[in-house]
Protein backbone atom coordinates (compact mmCIF):
# COMPACT_ATOMS: atom_id res chain seq x y z
CA UNK A 1 112.88 -75.59 -5.68
CA UNK A 2 114.04 -78.59 -7.60
CA UNK A 3 111.20 -78.10 -10.61
CA UNK A 4 112.45 -77.08 -13.74
CA UNK A 5 109.97 -74.68 -14.34
CA UNK A 6 108.66 -75.67 -17.86
CA UNK A 7 105.89 -73.11 -18.04
CA UNK A 8 108.30 -70.45 -18.02
CA UNK A 9 110.42 -71.48 -20.90
CA UNK A 10 112.43 -70.49 -22.78
CA UNK A 11 113.81 -68.45 -19.30
CA UNK A 12 114.22 -71.34 -17.42
CA UNK A 13 116.06 -73.47 -20.26
CA UNK A 14 119.25 -72.40 -18.83
CA UNK A 15 118.29 -70.49 -15.29
CA UNK A 16 116.21 -72.23 -12.80
CA UNK A 17 112.72 -70.62 -12.13
CA UNK A 18 113.40 -69.54 -8.52
CA UNK A 19 116.43 -67.57 -9.62
CA UNK A 20 114.68 -65.58 -12.27
CA UNK A 21 114.48 -61.80 -11.44
CA UNK A 22 111.23 -60.24 -10.76
CA UNK A 23 111.77 -56.20 -9.88
CA UNK A 24 115.36 -56.86 -9.85
CA UNK A 25 115.99 -59.76 -7.38
CA UNK A 26 115.48 -63.48 -8.27
CA UNK A 27 112.12 -64.78 -7.14
CA UNK A 28 113.81 -67.19 -3.84
CA UNK A 29 115.51 -64.15 -2.57
CA UNK A 30 112.52 -62.08 -2.34
CA UNK A 31 110.31 -65.11 -0.94
CA UNK A 32 112.77 -66.04 1.97
CA UNK A 33 113.36 -62.32 2.87
CA UNK A 34 109.77 -61.48 3.02
CA UNK A 35 109.17 -64.79 5.20
CA UNK A 36 111.90 -63.50 7.42
CA UNK A 37 110.44 -60.26 7.78
CA UNK A 38 106.84 -61.78 8.68
CA UNK A 39 108.19 -64.42 11.39
CA UNK A 40 110.20 -61.49 13.03
CA UNK A 41 112.62 -64.06 14.49
CA UNK A 42 116.53 -64.91 14.25
CA UNK A 43 116.80 -67.45 11.60
CA UNK A 44 118.94 -70.18 12.29
CA UNK A 45 119.13 -72.07 9.24
CA UNK A 46 117.87 -71.94 5.38
CA UNK A 47 117.46 -75.30 3.92
CA UNK A 48 117.23 -75.44 0.03
CA UNK A 49 116.00 -78.45 -1.69
CA UNK A 50 116.84 -78.39 -5.39
CA UNK A 51 117.22 -80.82 -8.33
CA UNK A 52 119.69 -82.16 -10.70
CA UNK A 53 123.57 -80.96 -10.30
CA UNK A 54 123.39 -80.48 -13.90
CA UNK A 55 120.98 -77.88 -13.93
CA UNK A 56 121.41 -76.86 -10.14
CA UNK A 57 125.20 -76.56 -10.18
CA UNK A 58 127.96 -74.92 -8.18
CA UNK A 59 126.85 -71.24 -9.04
CA UNK A 60 123.34 -72.00 -8.03
CA UNK A 61 124.27 -73.06 -4.98
CA UNK A 62 126.75 -70.36 -4.23
CA UNK A 63 123.79 -67.95 -4.76
CA UNK A 64 122.01 -69.90 -2.14
CA UNK A 65 124.75 -69.67 0.36
CA UNK A 66 125.06 -65.94 0.02
CA UNK A 67 121.45 -65.65 0.50
CA UNK A 68 121.17 -67.33 3.69
CA UNK A 69 124.49 -65.65 4.70
CA UNK A 70 122.56 -62.46 4.33
CA UNK A 71 120.44 -63.38 6.93
CA UNK A 72 122.91 -64.59 9.37
CA UNK A 73 121.82 -68.33 8.90
CA UNK A 74 123.45 -71.42 7.83
CA UNK A 75 122.87 -72.60 4.54
CA UNK A 76 122.06 -76.35 3.86
CA UNK A 77 121.83 -77.91 0.43
CA UNK A 78 119.67 -81.15 -0.26
CA UNK A 79 118.73 -82.48 -3.66
CA UNK A 80 115.70 -84.56 -5.10
CA UNK A 81 116.46 -86.25 -7.70
CA UNK A 82 113.34 -87.52 -8.97
CA UNK A 83 109.94 -85.44 -9.02
CA UNK A 84 108.15 -87.40 -6.47
CA UNK A 85 105.95 -84.70 -4.94
CA UNK A 86 105.99 -82.28 -2.20
CA UNK A 87 106.09 -84.61 0.69
CA UNK A 88 108.86 -86.31 -0.72
CA UNK A 89 110.73 -83.13 -1.12
CA UNK A 90 110.71 -82.02 2.41
CA UNK A 91 111.65 -85.04 3.66
CA UNK A 92 115.00 -84.91 1.42
CA UNK A 93 115.79 -82.15 4.12
CA UNK A 94 114.68 -84.58 7.05
CA UNK A 95 117.98 -83.72 8.66
CA UNK A 96 117.14 -80.16 8.93
CA UNK A 97 113.61 -81.00 10.16
CA UNK A 98 113.59 -80.12 13.70
CA UNK A 99 112.29 -76.98 15.67
CA UNK A 100 110.12 -74.18 14.51
CA UNK A 101 110.25 -74.09 10.68
CA UNK A 102 108.50 -72.18 7.89
CA UNK A 103 108.00 -74.59 4.62
CA UNK A 104 107.57 -72.48 1.41
CA UNK A 105 107.76 -73.25 -2.43
CA UNK A 106 109.80 -71.13 -4.22
CA UNK A 107 107.80 -70.15 -7.33
CA UNK A 108 105.28 -67.48 -5.58
CA UNK A 109 105.47 -64.13 -3.82
CA UNK A 110 103.61 -62.66 -1.32
CA UNK A 111 102.77 -59.55 0.66
CA UNK A 112 101.51 -59.95 4.07
CA UNK A 113 101.01 -58.19 7.56
CA UNK A 114 100.23 -60.65 10.31
CA UNK A 115 101.78 -62.48 12.92
CA UNK A 116 102.06 -65.91 13.55
CA UNK A 117 100.00 -67.45 16.38
CA UNK A 118 102.16 -68.87 18.95
CA UNK A 119 99.39 -70.68 20.63
CA UNK A 120 98.71 -72.86 17.47
CA UNK A 121 100.95 -75.72 16.45
CA UNK A 122 100.99 -75.10 12.77
CA UNK A 123 99.40 -72.27 10.37
CA UNK A 124 98.82 -72.48 6.61
CA UNK A 125 99.07 -69.03 4.64
CA UNK A 126 95.89 -68.53 2.47
CA UNK A 127 94.59 -66.10 -0.03
CA UNK A 128 90.76 -65.31 -0.36
CA UNK A 129 90.11 -66.32 -3.98
CA UNK A 130 86.93 -65.85 -6.41
CA UNK A 131 87.16 -69.34 -7.79
CA UNK A 132 87.73 -71.86 -4.83
CA UNK A 133 86.96 -74.80 -7.21
CA UNK A 134 90.23 -74.18 -8.94
CA UNK A 135 92.28 -74.43 -5.94
CA UNK A 136 93.26 -76.64 -2.85
CA UNK A 137 91.31 -74.91 0.06
CA UNK A 138 91.05 -75.24 3.77
CA UNK A 139 87.84 -76.62 5.66
CA UNK A 140 87.39 -74.29 9.17
CA UNK A 141 85.34 -75.11 12.12
CA UNK A 142 83.81 -72.49 14.17
CA UNK A 143 86.75 -71.74 15.90
CA UNK A 144 88.58 -70.95 12.89
CA UNK A 145 90.92 -74.05 13.16
CA UNK A 146 91.52 -75.94 9.88
CA UNK A 147 89.92 -79.46 10.14
CA UNK A 148 90.48 -80.53 6.38
CA UNK A 149 92.33 -79.76 3.03
CA UNK A 150 90.36 -80.16 0.39
CA UNK A 151 91.77 -80.29 -3.73
CA UNK A 152 89.48 -78.43 -6.22
CA UNK A 153 86.10 -78.66 -4.64
CA UNK A 154 83.32 -79.71 -6.45
CA UNK A 155 81.09 -78.39 -3.61
CA UNK A 156 81.89 -75.06 -1.73
CA UNK A 157 83.95 -75.61 1.34
CA UNK A 158 85.92 -72.08 1.64
CA UNK A 159 87.24 -69.49 -0.33
CA UNK A 160 90.46 -69.45 1.31
CA UNK A 161 93.12 -71.13 -0.95
CA UNK A 162 96.25 -72.63 -0.02
CA UNK A 163 99.37 -70.77 -1.39
CA UNK A 164 102.15 -73.39 -0.39
CA UNK A 165 103.67 -71.53 2.51
CA UNK A 166 103.38 -73.35 6.05
CA UNK A 167 104.60 -72.93 9.63
CA UNK A 168 105.11 -75.80 12.07
CA UNK A 169 105.96 -74.76 15.89
CA UNK A 170 107.55 -78.33 15.77
CA UNK A 171 108.57 -79.32 12.05
CA UNK A 172 109.62 -82.92 13.78
CA UNK A 173 105.83 -83.86 13.97
CA UNK A 174 105.52 -83.12 10.23
CA UNK A 175 108.54 -85.45 9.42
CA UNK A 176 107.06 -88.37 11.62
CA UNK A 177 103.77 -88.04 9.61
CA UNK A 178 105.57 -87.90 6.11
CA UNK A 179 107.83 -90.81 6.86
CA UNK A 180 104.65 -92.84 7.80
CA UNK A 181 103.16 -91.72 4.37
CA UNK A 182 106.71 -92.88 2.84
CA UNK A 183 106.72 -95.93 4.54
CA UNK A 184 102.80 -96.84 3.52
CA UNK A 185 103.75 -95.78 0.08
CA UNK A 186 100.88 -93.20 0.14
CA UNK A 187 100.86 -91.50 -3.39
CA UNK A 188 98.79 -89.34 -5.52
CA UNK A 189 99.60 -89.76 -9.19
CA UNK A 190 102.81 -91.17 -8.03
CA UNK A 191 103.68 -88.40 -5.66
CA UNK A 192 103.73 -88.00 -1.96
CA UNK A 193 101.83 -84.72 -0.93
CA UNK A 194 102.44 -82.63 2.15
CA UNK A 195 98.88 -82.64 2.70
CA UNK A 196 98.73 -86.26 3.75
CA UNK A 197 101.51 -85.33 6.74
CA UNK A 198 99.37 -82.18 7.62
CA UNK A 199 96.01 -84.52 7.80
CA UNK A 200 98.24 -86.96 9.92
CA UNK A 201 98.88 -84.20 12.39
CA UNK A 202 95.16 -82.63 12.24
CA UNK A 203 93.88 -86.20 13.12
CA UNK A 204 96.23 -86.58 16.27
CA UNK A 205 94.69 -83.28 17.42
CA UNK A 206 97.16 -80.54 16.21
CA UNK A 207 95.70 -77.35 15.79
CA UNK A 208 96.02 -75.47 12.46
CA UNK A 209 95.38 -71.81 12.02
CA UNK A 210 95.43 -69.71 8.94
CA UNK A 211 97.52 -66.63 7.99
CA UNK A 212 95.86 -64.67 5.33
CA UNK A 213 98.00 -62.57 2.89
CA UNK A 214 96.97 -59.49 0.88
CA UNK A 215 98.60 -60.57 -2.15
CA UNK A 216 99.82 -63.73 -3.79
CA UNK A 217 101.66 -63.33 -6.97
CA UNK A 218 102.85 -66.21 -9.03
CA UNK A 219 105.32 -66.68 -11.59
CA UNK A 220 104.11 -69.56 -13.56
CA UNK A 221 104.51 -68.71 -16.80
CA UNK A 222 105.88 -65.61 -18.89
CA UNK A 223 102.39 -63.47 -18.70
CA UNK A 224 102.17 -64.09 -15.08
CA UNK A 225 105.86 -63.15 -14.32
CA UNK A 226 105.69 -59.95 -16.08
CA UNK A 227 102.23 -59.26 -14.13
CA UNK A 228 103.91 -60.08 -11.09
CA UNK A 229 106.94 -57.89 -11.88
CA UNK A 230 104.56 -55.03 -12.24
CA UNK A 231 102.63 -55.54 -8.78
CA UNK A 232 106.33 -55.94 -7.12
CA UNK A 233 107.54 -52.69 -8.57
CA UNK A 234 104.13 -50.86 -7.41
CA UNK A 235 104.42 -52.44 -3.57
CA UNK A 236 108.65 -51.44 -3.74
CA UNK A 237 108.02 -47.96 -4.52
CA UNK A 238 105.21 -47.56 -2.03
CA UNK A 239 107.42 -49.21 0.92
CA UNK A 240 110.67 -47.48 -0.20
CA UNK A 241 112.76 -50.02 1.20
CA UNK A 242 114.90 -50.77 -1.70
CA UNK A 243 117.03 -48.37 -4.25
CA UNK A 244 115.21 -49.21 -7.63
CA UNK A 245 117.45 -47.12 -9.90
CA UNK A 246 121.07 -47.31 -9.87
CA UNK A 247 123.38 -44.10 -9.54
CA UNK A 248 125.37 -45.33 -12.24
CA UNK A 249 123.11 -45.74 -15.11
CA UNK A 250 124.13 -43.90 -18.58
CA UNK A 251 120.79 -41.93 -19.50
CA UNK A 252 121.36 -40.09 -22.85
CA UNK A 253 118.26 -38.19 -24.06
CA UNK A 254 115.95 -41.09 -22.36
CA UNK A 255 113.10 -40.69 -20.09
CA UNK A 256 112.27 -43.02 -17.11
CA UNK A 257 108.54 -43.17 -16.23
CA UNK A 258 108.31 -44.75 -12.59
CA UNK A 259 108.22 -47.50 -10.61
CA UNK A 260 111.16 -49.15 -12.73
CA UNK A 261 113.96 -50.94 -11.33
CA UNK A 262 117.43 -50.13 -13.40
CA UNK A 263 120.33 -52.00 -12.33
CA UNK A 264 124.16 -50.80 -12.27
CA UNK A 265 125.82 -50.32 -15.69
CA UNK A 266 122.69 -49.88 -17.62
CA UNK A 267 122.99 -47.57 -20.69
CA UNK A 268 119.60 -45.79 -22.10
CA UNK A 269 120.00 -43.95 -25.18
CA UNK A 270 117.13 -42.30 -26.70
CA UNK A 271 114.82 -44.67 -24.93
CA UNK A 272 111.46 -44.15 -23.13
CA UNK A 273 111.36 -46.67 -20.09
CA UNK A 274 108.18 -47.66 -17.57
CA UNK A 275 106.30 -47.54 -16.09
CA UNK A 276 106.85 -51.18 -14.54
CA UNK A 277 110.22 -52.05 -16.38
CA UNK A 278 112.74 -54.31 -14.74
CA UNK A 279 116.44 -53.95 -16.52
CA UNK A 280 119.38 -56.04 -15.37
CA UNK A 281 123.04 -54.91 -15.16
CA UNK A 282 125.22 -53.94 -18.16
CA UNK A 283 122.12 -53.95 -20.38
CA UNK A 284 121.84 -51.57 -23.55
CA UNK A 285 118.43 -49.84 -24.70
CA UNK A 286 118.65 -47.75 -27.62
CA UNK A 287 116.12 -45.84 -29.85
CA UNK A 288 113.33 -47.81 -28.06
CA UNK A 289 110.20 -47.73 -25.96
CA UNK A 290 109.65 -50.05 -23.06
CA UNK A 291 106.75 -50.59 -20.68
CA UNK A 292 105.40 -53.33 -18.25
CA UNK A 293 108.67 -55.59 -19.09
CA UNK A 294 111.57 -57.44 -17.74
CA UNK A 295 114.87 -57.18 -19.68
CA UNK A 296 117.71 -59.21 -18.01
CA UNK A 297 121.20 -58.62 -17.64
CA UNK A 298 124.21 -57.89 -20.68
CA UNK A 299 121.27 -57.74 -23.23
CA UNK A 300 120.86 -54.95 -26.43
CA UNK A 301 117.70 -54.05 -27.29
CA UNK A 302 117.28 -51.54 -30.22
CA UNK A 303 114.53 -49.93 -32.27
CA UNK A 304 111.87 -51.79 -30.50
CA UNK A 305 108.47 -51.06 -29.06
CA UNK A 306 108.26 -53.62 -26.27
CA UNK A 307 105.12 -54.04 -23.82
CA UNK A 308 104.29 -56.83 -21.73
CA UNK A 309 108.02 -58.63 -23.10
CA UNK A 310 110.41 -60.88 -21.20
CA UNK A 311 113.97 -61.01 -22.57
CA UNK A 312 116.82 -62.95 -20.85
CA UNK A 313 120.51 -62.41 -20.41
CA UNK A 314 122.95 -61.73 -23.35
CA UNK A 315 120.15 -61.10 -25.84
CA UNK A 316 120.19 -59.04 -28.85
CA UNK A 317 116.91 -57.77 -30.12
CA UNK A 318 116.45 -55.23 -33.13
CA UNK A 319 113.02 -55.64 -34.19
CA UNK A 320 109.29 -54.41 -34.22
CA UNK A 321 107.74 -56.99 -32.09
CA UNK A 322 105.84 -56.02 -28.64
CA UNK A 323 104.78 -58.78 -26.63
CA UNK A 324 108.05 -61.13 -26.90
CA UNK A 325 109.39 -63.74 -24.79
CA UNK A 326 112.99 -64.57 -25.53
CA UNK A 327 115.60 -66.63 -23.74
CA UNK A 328 119.06 -66.31 -22.97
CA UNK A 329 122.07 -66.15 -25.47
CA UNK A 330 119.40 -65.42 -28.16
CA UNK A 331 119.58 -62.89 -31.36
CA UNK A 332 116.84 -61.32 -33.25
CA UNK A 333 118.09 -58.63 -36.00
CA UNK A 334 116.59 -57.10 -38.79
């Protein structure tokens, strides 16, 4: 999670993308919790690879420690100082690369219901897609084992796209292959990639299988993040595993159309909220209609008709625009 999330600006100018909330929880919190549920084994350690201390500072580190603690796990923090690719990022955490492990990129959310095949050496989680030529895909043999990884194939290989989550029964084997990649200075566009380590394992006879997810939700830019928030709220309402609307909100002559996430201390005054709206703590919404939008904490929204909007923390917005994207600490008033 060391990247700066430039496609999601202005929301990532002040907050790392994995800590941007979706349905009331930071992306990385949801991802780690969902993976823990699928693995269905005790988690010993969660290792986070983060970036520049000037951006990923003490507050970020504290949040990550709390996340690991919530799973009863040790937290390890590593830093990737230069954007040298996924293989390099993983090797920044080489001191933790031992035993069974999951590797995940912290800008995606999933829904899945499968068990990891303990007879395989590794698993790559995939999603069936309509345009495989736009993705990295897996090539399978007749046994269903992965024999090759192909990036944006010009000819059809398969329609199973790699989503960026991997399981290794013994991740030290990946560590050894990636060390060889680094030693040989094997780069693509100046970056070291996890795929080269995986290909080395496959060449040595390691068995890779697929784990197919039912939903793969990206948080790459504002519009996609708002759409992911919508899907996640639908899932959470169906699953009923989380409290979506806090008890201590102030509701004055307002209507809430579920599913919505509304945090503690929110004030709704003459407002129509929902469906598919997430509102952070201590935010005030007055004389407004909001649907399919994300509004973060300690913001004030008045006289607005918001649809497919994304508003950051401590924003003051008073106006008639609808599909807006406003970062933290901004003011727009008539």
